[in-house]
PDB file of all heavy atoms in Angstrom:
ATOM      1  N   ASN A   1       0.808  -1.215   0.000  1.00  0.00           N
ATOM      2  CA  ASN A   1       0.000   0.000   0.000  1.00  0.00           C
ATOM      3  C   ASN A   1       0.849   1.277   0.000  1.00  0.00           C
ATOM      4  O   ASN A   1       0.318   2.374  -0.195  1.00  0.00           O
ATOM      5  CB  ASN A   1      -0.923   0.029   1.221  1.00  0.00           C
ATOM      6  CG  ASN A   1      -1.942  -1.085   1.187  1.00  0.00           C
ATOM      7  OD1 ASN A   1      -2.531  -1.371   0.152  1.00  0.00           O
ATOM      8  ND2 ASN A   1      -2.149  -1.731   2.328  1.00  0.00           N
ATOM      9  N   GLY A   2       2.137   1.112   0.270  1.00  0.00           N
ATOM     10  CA  GLY A   2       3.012   2.276   0.389  1.00  0.00           C
ATOM     11  C   GLY A   2       3.298   2.657   1.824  1.00  0.00           C
ATOM     12  O   GLY A   2       3.906   3.699   2.082  1.00  0.00           O
ATOM     13  N   ALA A   3       2.883   1.818   2.766  1.00  0.00           N
ATOM     14  CA  ALA A   3       3.055   2.116   4.196  1.00  0.00           C
ATOM     15  C   ALA A   3       4.335   1.503   4.742  1.00  0.00           C
ATOM     16  O   ALA A   3       4.829   0.490   4.240  1.00  0.00           O
ATOM     17  CB  ALA A   3       1.863   1.586   4.986  1.00  0.00           C
ATOM     18  N   PHE A   4       4.864   2.137   5.801  1.00  0.00           N
ATOM     19  CA  PHE A   4       5.970   1.565   6.554  1.00  0.00           C
ATOM     20  C   PHE A   4       5.372   0.751   7.699  1.00  0.00           C
ATOM     21  O   PHE A   4       4.814   1.335   8.647  1.00  0.00           O
ATOM     22  CB  PHE A   4       6.870   2.663   7.122  1.00  0.00           C
ATOM     23  CG  PHE A   4       7.622   3.450   6.085  1.00  0.00           C
ATOM     24  CD1 PHE A   4       7.192   4.711   5.706  1.00  0.00           C
ATOM     25  CD2 PHE A   4       8.758   2.920   5.483  1.00  0.00           C
ATOM     26  CE1 PHE A   4       7.882   5.444   4.751  1.00  0.00           C
ATOM     27  CE2 PHE A   4       9.455   3.637   4.522  1.00  0.00           C
ATOM     28  CZ  PHE A   4       9.014   4.901   4.153  1.00  0.00           C
ATOM     29  N   PRO A   5       5.435  -0.580   7.660  1.00  0.00           N
ATOM     30  CA  PRO A   5       4.754  -1.403   8.665  1.00  0.00           C
ATOM     31  C   PRO A   5       5.131  -1.078  10.107  1.00  0.00           C
ATOM     32  O   PRO A   5       4.266  -1.088  10.994  1.00  0.00           O
ATOM     33  CB  PRO A   5       5.167  -2.826   8.285  1.00  0.00           C
ATOM     34  CG  PRO A   5       5.419  -2.751   6.817  1.00  0.00           C
ATOM     35  CD  PRO A   5       6.036  -1.397   6.599  1.00  0.00           C
ATOM     36  N   ARG A   6       6.395  -0.776  10.372  1.00  0.00           N
ATOM     37  CA  ARG A   6       6.792  -0.486  11.748  1.00  0.00           C
ATOM     38  C   ARG A   6       6.165   0.811  12.249  1.00  0.00           C
ATOM     39  O   ARG A   6       5.890   0.954  13.438  1.00  0.00           O
ATOM     40  CB  ARG A   6       8.319  -0.412  11.861  1.00  0.00           C
ATOM     41  CG  ARG A   6       9.018  -1.732  11.588  1.00  0.00           C
ATOM     42  CD  ARG A   6      10.522  -1.555  11.565  1.00  0.00           C
ATOM     43  NE  ARG A   6      11.194  -2.711  11.019  1.00  0.00           N
ATOM     44  CZ  ARG A   6      11.915  -3.573  11.728  1.00  0.00           C
ATOM     45  NH1 ARG A   6      12.037  -3.424  13.029  1.00  0.00           N
ATOM     46  NH2 ARG A   6      12.508  -4.603  11.143  1.00  0.00           N
ATOM     47  N   GLU A   7       5.958   1.747  11.351  1.00  0.00           N
ATOM     48  CA  GLU A   7       5.312   3.004  11.749  1.00  0.00           C
ATOM     49  C   GLU A   7       3.797   2.813  11.884  1.00  0.00           C
ATOM     50  O   GLU A   7       3.147   3.506  12.662  1.00  0.00           O
ATOM     51  CB  GLU A   7       5.624   4.102  10.741  1.00  0.00           C
ATOM     52  CG  GLU A   7       7.098   4.274  10.392  1.00  0.00           C
ATOM     53  CD  GLU A   7       8.015   4.466  11.591  1.00  0.00           C
ATOM     54  OE1 GLU A   7       7.545   4.888  12.650  1.00  0.00           O
ATOM     55  OE2 GLU A   7       9.226   4.187  11.443  1.00  0.00           O
ATOM     56  N   MET A   8       3.266   1.871  11.136  1.00  0.00           N
ATOM     57  CA  MET A   8       1.828   1.584  11.238  1.00  0.00           C
ATOM     58  C   MET A   8       1.475   0.965  12.585  1.00  0.00           C
ATOM     59  O   MET A   8       0.293   0.914  12.970  1.00  0.00           O
ATOM     60  CB  MET A   8       1.394   0.645  10.111  1.00  0.00           C
ATOM     61  CG  MET A   8       1.454   1.253   8.717  1.00  0.00           C
ATOM     62  SD  MET A   8       0.351   2.687   8.490  1.00  0.00           S
ATOM     63  CE  MET A   8       1.521   4.053   8.654  1.00  0.00           C
ATOM     64  N   ALA A   9       2.465   0.502  13.325  1.00  0.00           N
ATOM     65  CA  ALA A   9       2.223  -0.088  14.646  1.00  0.00           C
ATOM     66  C   ALA A   9       2.091   0.972  15.734  1.00  0.00           C
ATOM     67  O   ALA A   9       2.026   0.633  16.923  1.00  0.00           O
ATOM     68  CB  ALA A   9       3.356  -1.046  14.992  1.00  0.00           C
ATOM     69  N   ARG A  10       2.011   2.248  15.343  1.00  0.00           N
ATOM     70  CA  ARG A  10       1.977   3.346  16.314  1.00  0.00           C
ATOM     71  C   ARG A  10       0.558   3.735  16.730  1.00  0.00           C
ATOM     72  O   ARG A  10       0.328   4.847  17.198  1.00  0.00           O
ATOM     73  CB  ARG A  10       2.690   4.566  15.730  1.00  0.00           C
ATOM     74  CG  ARG A  10       4.163   4.332  15.433  1.00  0.00           C
ATOM     75  CD  ARG A  10       4.991   4.206  16.697  1.00  0.00           C
ATOM     76  NE  ARG A  10       6.414   4.192  16.418  1.00  0.00           N
ATOM     77  CZ  ARG A  10       7.324   4.792  17.150  1.00  0.00           C
ATOM     78  NH1 ARG A  10       6.972   5.447  18.235  1.00  0.00           N
ATOM     79  NH2 ARG A  10       8.599   4.731  16.826  1.00  0.00           N
ATOM     80  N   HIS A  11      -0.378   2.830  16.531  1.00  0.00           N
ATOM     81  CA  HIS A  11      -1.757   3.006  16.983  1.00  0.00           C
ATOM     82  C   HIS A  11      -2.370   4.297  16.430  1.00  0.00           C
ATOM     83  O   HIS A  11      -2.414   4.463  15.213  1.00  0.00           O
ATOM     84  CB  HIS A  11      -1.812   2.960  18.520  1.00  0.00           C
ATOM     85  CG  HIS A  11      -1.206   1.703  19.071  1.00  0.00           C
ATOM     86  ND1 HIS A  11      -1.842   0.478  18.984  1.00  0.00           N
ATOM     87  CD2 HIS A  11      -0.009   1.473  19.682  1.00  0.00           C
ATOM     88  CE1 HIS A  11      -1.065  -0.450  19.531  1.00  0.00           C
ATOM     89  NE2 HIS A  11       0.046   0.119  19.963  1.00  0.00           N
ATOM     90  N   GLU A  12      -2.825   5.190  17.304  1.00  0.00           N
ATOM     91  CA  GLU A  12      -3.509   6.407  16.839  1.00  0.00           C
ATOM     92  C   GLU A  12      -2.565   7.384  16.142  1.00  0.00           C
ATOM     93  O   GLU A  12      -3.001   8.344  15.522  1.00  0.00           O
ATOM     94  CB  GLU A  12      -4.224   7.108  18.003  1.00  0.00           C
ATOM     95  CG  GLU A  12      -3.315   7.814  19.003  1.00  0.00           C
ATOM     96  CD  GLU A  12      -2.750   6.871  20.056  1.00  0.00           C
ATOM     97  OE1 GLU A  12      -3.039   5.658  19.978  1.00  0.00           O
ATOM     98  OE2 GLU A  12      -2.020   7.359  20.938  1.00  0.00           O
ATOM     99  N   ARG A  13      -1.256   7.117  16.212  1.00  0.00           N
ATOM    100  CA  ARG A  13      -0.270   8.004  15.582  1.00  0.00           C
ATOM    101  C   ARG A  13       0.320   7.386  14.317  1.00  0.00           C
ATOM    102  O   ARG A  13       1.333   7.871  13.796  1.00  0.00           O
ATOM    103  CB  ARG A  13       0.857   8.301  16.569  1.00  0.00           C
ATOM    104  CG  ARG A  13       0.405   8.941  17.863  1.00  0.00           C
ATOM    105  CD  ARG A  13       0.059  10.394  17.689  1.00  0.00           C
ATOM    106  NE  ARG A  13       1.242  11.229  17.570  1.00  0.00           N
ATOM    107  CZ  ARG A  13       1.207  12.509  17.223  1.00  0.00           C
ATOM    108  NH1 ARG A  13       0.056  13.077  16.919  1.00  0.00           N
ATOM    109  NH2 ARG A  13       2.328  13.216  17.153  1.00  0.00           N
ATOM    110  N   ALA A  14      -0.298   6.362  13.790  1.00  0.00           N
ATOM    111  CA  ALA A  14       0.273   5.635  12.657  1.00  0.00           C
ATOM    112  C   ALA A  14       0.526   6.533  11.446  1.00  0.00           C
ATOM    113  O   ALA A  14       1.627   6.547  10.883  1.00  0.00           O
ATOM    114  CB  ALA A  14      -0.636   4.467  12.272  1.00  0.00           C
ATOM    115  N   ILE A  15      -0.466   7.300  11.037  1.00  0.00           N
ATOM    116  CA  ILE A  15      -0.287   8.137   9.847  1.00  0.00           C
ATOM    117  C   ILE A  15       0.721   9.257  10.118  1.00  0.00           C
ATOM    118  O   ILE A  15       1.486   9.656   9.237  1.00  0.00           O
ATOM    119  CB  ILE A  15      -1.641   8.710   9.346  1.00  0.00           C
ATOM    120  CG1 ILE A  15      -1.493   9.343   7.954  1.00  0.00           C
ATOM    121  CG2 ILE A  15      -2.232   9.701  10.332  1.00  0.00           C
ATOM    122  CD1 ILE A  15      -1.078   8.373   6.879  1.00  0.00           C
ATOM    123  N   HIS A  16       0.747   9.736  11.368  1.00  0.00           N
ATOM    124  CA  HIS A  16       1.733  10.748  11.731  1.00  0.00           C
ATOM    125  C   HIS A  16       3.148  10.182  11.597  1.00  0.00           C
ATOM    126  O   HIS A  16       4.056  10.856  11.102  1.00  0.00           O
ATOM    127  CB  HIS A  16       1.490  11.222  13.162  1.00  0.00           C
ATOM    128  CG  HIS A  16       2.516  12.174  13.675  1.00  0.00           C
ATOM    129  ND1 HIS A  16       2.489  13.524  13.398  1.00  0.00           N
ATOM    130  CD2 HIS A  16       3.626  11.969  14.437  1.00  0.00           C
ATOM    131  CE1 HIS A  16       3.526  14.113  13.961  1.00  0.00           C
ATOM    132  NE2 HIS A  16       4.235  13.190  14.606  1.00  0.00           N
ATOM    133  N   TYR A  17       3.340   8.931  12.016  1.00  0.00           N
ATOM    134  CA  TYR A  17       4.674   8.337  11.947  1.00  0.00           C
ATOM    135  C   TYR A  17       5.060   7.943  10.527  1.00  0.00           C
ATOM    136  O   TYR A  17       6.257   7.816  10.229  1.00  0.00           O
ATOM    137  CB  TYR A  17       4.785   7.160  12.919  1.00  0.00           C
ATOM    138  CG  TYR A  17       5.200   7.630  14.293  1.00  0.00           C
ATOM    139  CD1 TYR A  17       4.250   7.984  15.251  1.00  0.00           C
ATOM    140  CD2 TYR A  17       6.546   7.767  14.614  1.00  0.00           C
ATOM    141  CE1 TYR A  17       4.641   8.447  16.495  1.00  0.00           C
ATOM    142  CE2 TYR A  17       6.942   8.226  15.861  1.00  0.00           C
ATOM    143  CZ  TYR A  17       5.976   8.563  16.802  1.00  0.00           C
ATOM    144  OH  TYR A  17       6.361   9.034  18.032  1.00  0.00           O
ATOM    145  N   GLN A  18       4.083   7.748   9.667  1.00  0.00           N
ATOM    146  CA  GLN A  18       4.410   7.591   8.246  1.00  0.00           C
ATOM    147  C   GLN A  18       5.105   8.868   7.750  1.00  0.00           C
ATOM    148  O   GLN A  18       6.125   8.812   7.065  1.00  0.00           O
ATOM    149  CB  GLN A  18       3.135   7.341   7.432  1.00  0.00           C
ATOM    150  CG  GLN A  18       3.329   7.270   5.923  1.00  0.00           C
ATOM    151  CD  GLN A  18       3.802   5.931   5.418  1.00  0.00           C
ATOM    152  OE1 GLN A  18       3.918   4.973   6.183  1.00  0.00           O
ATOM    153  NE2 GLN A  18       4.063   5.825   4.137  1.00  0.00           N
ATOM    154  N   ALA A  19       4.551  10.004   8.135  1.00  0.00           N
ATOM    155  CA  ALA A  19       5.160  11.292   7.771  1.00  0.00           C
ATOM    156  C   ALA A  19       6.526  11.452   8.426  1.00  0.00           C
ATOM    157  O   ALA A  19       7.475  11.954   7.805  1.00  0.00           O
ATOM    158  CB  ALA A  19       4.240  12.439   8.186  1.00  0.00           C
ATOM    159  N   PHE A  20       6.643  11.000   9.677  1.00  0.00           N
ATOM    160  CA  PHE A  20       7.891  11.158  10.411  1.00  0.00           C
ATOM    161  C   PHE A  20       9.008  10.322   9.783  1.00  0.00           C
ATOM    162  O   PHE A  20      10.165  10.743   9.738  1.00  0.00           O
ATOM    163  CB  PHE A  20       7.676  10.764  11.869  1.00  0.00           C
ATOM    164  CG  PHE A  20       8.647  11.384  12.819  1.00  0.00           C
ATOM    165  CD1 PHE A  20       8.995  12.729  12.730  1.00  0.00           C
ATOM    166  CD2 PHE A  20       9.213  10.631  13.843  1.00  0.00           C
ATOM    167  CE1 PHE A  20       9.899  13.303  13.612  1.00  0.00           C
ATOM    168  CE2 PHE A  20      10.107  11.193  14.740  1.00  0.00           C
ATOM    169  CZ  PHE A  20      10.453  12.534  14.619  1.00  0.00           C
ATOM    170  N   ALA A  21       8.661   9.142   9.288  1.00  0.00           N
ATOM    171  CA  ALA A  21       9.659   8.305   8.622  1.00  0.00           C
ATOM    172  C   ALA A  21      10.127   8.932   7.317  1.00  0.00           C
ATOM    173  O   ALA A  21      11.295   8.812   6.933  1.00  0.00           O
ATOM    174  CB  ALA A  21       9.086   6.913   8.364  1.00  0.00           C
ATOM    175  N   LEU A  22       9.228   9.610   6.635  1.00  0.00           N
ATOM    176  CA  LEU A  22       9.581  10.240   5.367  1.00  0.00           C
ATOM    177  C   LEU A  22      10.423  11.495   5.555  1.00  0.00           C
ATOM    178  O   LEU A  22      11.141  11.906   4.638  1.00  0.00           O
ATOM    179  CB  LEU A  22       8.310  10.586   4.586  1.00  0.00           C
ATOM    180  CG  LEU A  22       7.604   9.404   3.919  1.00  0.00           C
ATOM    181  CD1 LEU A  22       6.191   9.783   3.501  1.00  0.00           C
ATOM    182  CD2 LEU A  22       8.408   8.900   2.729  1.00  0.00           C
ATOM    183  N   GLN A  23      10.339  12.111   6.728  1.00  0.00           N
ATOM    184  CA  GLN A  23      11.053  13.377   6.928  1.00  0.00           C
ATOM    185  C   GLN A  23      12.556  13.257   6.685  1.00  0.00           C
ATOM    186  O   GLN A  23      13.135  14.127   6.025  1.00  0.00           O
ATOM    187  CB  GLN A  23      10.769  13.936   8.331  1.00  0.00           C
ATOM    188  CG  GLN A  23      11.264  15.358   8.503  1.00  0.00           C
ATOM    189  CD  GLN A  23      10.841  15.969   9.832  1.00  0.00           C
ATOM    190  OE1 GLN A  23      11.673  16.421  10.610  1.00  0.00           O
ATOM    191  NE2 GLN A  23       9.552  15.972  10.109  1.00  0.00           N
ATOM    192  N   PRO A  24      13.238  12.220   7.151  1.00  0.00           N
ATOM    193  CA  PRO A  24      14.658  12.099   6.816  1.00  0.00           C
ATOM    194  C   PRO A  24      14.923  11.450   5.466  1.00  0.00           C
ATOM    195  O   PRO A  24      15.972  11.688   4.849  1.00  0.00           O
ATOM    196  CB  PRO A  24      15.212  11.228   7.945  1.00  0.00           C
ATOM    197  CG  PRO A  24      14.050  10.391   8.367  1.00  0.00           C
ATOM    198  CD  PRO A  24      12.838  11.261   8.199  1.00  0.00           C
ATOM    199  N   LEU A  25      13.996  10.616   4.994  1.00  0.00           N
ATOM    200  CA  LEU A  25      14.269   9.854   3.777  1.00  0.00           C
ATOM    201  C   LEU A  25      14.267  10.716   2.517  1.00  0.00           C
ATOM    202  O   LEU A  25      15.076  10.496   1.603  1.00  0.00           O
ATOM    203  CB  LEU A  25      13.253   8.715   3.635  1.00  0.00           C
ATOM    204  CG  LEU A  25      13.376   7.598   4.682  1.00  0.00           C
ATOM    205  CD1 LEU A  25      12.255   6.591   4.507  1.00  0.00           C
ATOM    206  CD2 LEU A  25      14.738   6.916   4.600  1.00  0.00           C
ATOM    207  N   VAL A  26      13.376  11.706   2.460  1.00  0.00           N
ATOM    208  CA  VAL A  26      13.341  12.555   1.264  1.00  0.00           C
ATOM    209  C   VAL A  26      14.629  13.374   1.130  1.00  0.00           C
ATOM    210  O   VAL A  26      15.258  13.353   0.066  1.00  0.00           O
ATOM    211  CB  VAL A  26      12.090  13.457   1.254  1.00  0.00           C
ATOM    212  CG1 VAL A  26      12.110  14.367   0.023  1.00  0.00           C
ATOM    213  CG2 VAL A  26      10.820  12.613   1.259  1.00  0.00           C
ATOM    214  N   PRO A  27      15.062  14.103   2.162  1.00  0.00           N
ATOM    215  CA  PRO A  27      16.333  14.831   2.006  1.00  0.00           C
ATOM    216  C   PRO A  27      17.525  13.912   1.810  1.00  0.00           C
ATOM    217  O   PRO A  27      18.493  14.290   1.140  1.00  0.00           O
ATOM    218  CB  PRO A  27      16.450  15.659   3.293  1.00  0.00           C
ATOM    219  CG  PRO A  27      15.493  15.062   4.251  1.00  0.00           C
ATOM    220  CD  PRO A  27      14.407  14.444   3.442  1.00  0.00           C
ATOM    221  N   LEU A  28      17.473  12.698   2.360  1.00  0.00           N
ATOM    222  CA  LEU A  28      18.561  11.756   2.133  1.00  0.00           C
ATOM    223  C   LEU A  28      18.663  11.431   0.642  1.00  0.00           C
ATOM    224  O   LEU A  28      19.755  11.451   0.057  1.00  0.00           O
ATOM    225  CB  LEU A  28      18.327  10.483   2.959  1.00  0.00           C
ATOM    226  CG  LEU A  28      19.529   9.568   3.195  1.00  0.00           C
ATOM    227  CD1 LEU A  28      19.297   8.700   4.437  1.00  0.00           C
ATOM    228  CD2 LEU A  28      19.819   8.685   2.004  1.00  0.00           C
ATOM    229  N   ALA A  29      17.511  11.142   0.018  1.00  0.00           N
ATOM    230  CA  ALA A  29      17.503  10.880  -1.420  1.00  0.00           C
ATOM    231  C   ALA A  29      17.979  12.095  -2.202  1.00  0.00           C
ATOM    232  O   ALA A  29      18.699  11.963  -3.209  1.00  0.00           O
ATOM    233  CB  ALA A  29      16.096  10.480  -1.867  1.00  0.00           C
ATOM    234  N   GLU A  30      17.611  13.274  -1.746  1.00  0.00           N
ATOM    235  CA  GLU A  30      18.018  14.507  -2.430  1.00  0.00           C
ATOM    236  C   GLU A  30      19.531  14.701  -2.329  1.00  0.00           C
ATOM    237  O   GLU A  30      20.186  15.058  -3.321  1.00  0.00           O
ATOM    238  CB  GLU A  30      17.283  15.700  -1.827  1.00  0.00           C
ATOM    239  CG  GLU A  30      17.590  17.026  -2.489  1.00  0.00           C
ATOM    240  CD  GLU A  30      17.144  17.108  -3.937  1.00  0.00           C
ATOM    241  OE1 GLU A  30      16.209  16.374  -4.329  1.00  0.00           O
ATOM    242  OE2 GLU A  30      17.737  17.900  -4.699  1.00  0.00           O
ATOM    243  N   PHE A  31      20.101  14.472  -1.153  1.00  0.00           N
ATOM    244  CA  PHE A  31      21.552  14.594  -0.972  1.00  0.00           C
ATOM    245  C   PHE A  31      22.296  13.709  -1.973  1.00  0.00           C
ATOM    246  O   PHE A  31      23.222  14.153  -2.656  1.00  0.00           O
ATOM    247  CB  PHE A  31      21.950  14.181   0.446  1.00  0.00           C
ATOM    248  CG  PHE A  31      22.196  15.327   1.386  1.00  0.00           C
ATOM    249  CD1 PHE A  31      21.415  15.490   2.519  1.00  0.00           C
ATOM    250  CD2 PHE A  31      23.222  16.222   1.157  1.00  0.00           C
ATOM    251  CE1 PHE A  31      21.641  16.536   3.407  1.00  0.00           C
ATOM    252  CE2 PHE A  31      23.465  17.277   2.036  1.00  0.00           C
ATOM    253  CZ  PHE A  31      22.670  17.433   3.162  1.00  0.00           C
ATOM    254  N   VAL A  32      21.890  12.447  -2.031  1.00  0.00           N
ATOM    255  CA  VAL A  32      22.610  11.491  -2.876  1.00  0.00           C
ATOM    256  C   VAL A  32      22.403  11.804  -4.351  1.00  0.00           C
ATOM    257  O   VAL A  32      23.335  11.699  -5.152  1.00  0.00           O
ATOM    258  CB  VAL A  32      22.169  10.051  -2.544  1.00  0.00           C
ATOM    259  CG1 VAL A  32      22.839   9.045  -3.481  1.00  0.00           C
ATOM    260  CG2 VAL A  32      22.513   9.714  -1.096  1.00  0.00           C
ATOM    261  N   THR A  33      21.193  12.224  -4.702  1.00  0.00           N
ATOM    262  CA  THR A  33      20.925  12.573  -6.096  1.00  0.00           C
ATOM    263  C   THR A  33      21.790  13.749  -6.527  1.00  0.00           C
ATOM    264  O   THR A  33      22.271  13.795  -7.667  1.00  0.00           O
ATOM    265  CB  THR A  33      19.429  12.882  -6.282  1.00  0.00           C
ATOM    266  OG1 THR A  33      18.672  11.706  -5.922  1.00  0.00           O
ATOM    267  CG2 THR A  33      19.107  13.250  -7.724  1.00  0.00           C
ATOM    268  N   ARG A  34      22.020  14.686  -5.610  1.00  0.00           N
ATOM    269  CA  ARG A  34      22.893  15.825  -5.936  1.00  0.00           C
ATOM    270  C   ARG A  34      24.356  15.411  -6.082  1.00  0.00           C
ATOM    271  O   ARG A  34      25.153  16.173  -6.625  1.00  0.00           O
ATOM    272  CB  ARG A  34      22.754  16.922  -4.877  1.00  0.00           C
ATOM    273  CG  ARG A  34      21.390  17.597  -4.880  1.00  0.00           C
ATOM    274  CD  ARG A  34      21.361  18.815  -3.991  1.00  0.00           C
ATOM    275  NE  ARG A  34      20.047  19.428  -3.965  1.00  0.00           N
ATOM    276  CZ  ARG A  34      19.816  20.691  -3.623  1.00  0.00           C
ATOM    277  NH1 ARG A  34      20.834  21.477  -3.289  1.00  0.00           N
ATOM    278  NH2 ARG A  34      18.596  21.179  -3.609  1.00  0.00           N
TER     279      ARG A  34
END
């Protein structure tokens, strides 16, 4: 589905932690692409 299973285990904060996992991953991809 596009979800991070470990972040989905955060109960009422699951969707919030999906965003939290993406926060470092996007700039990481940007750094390497540059």
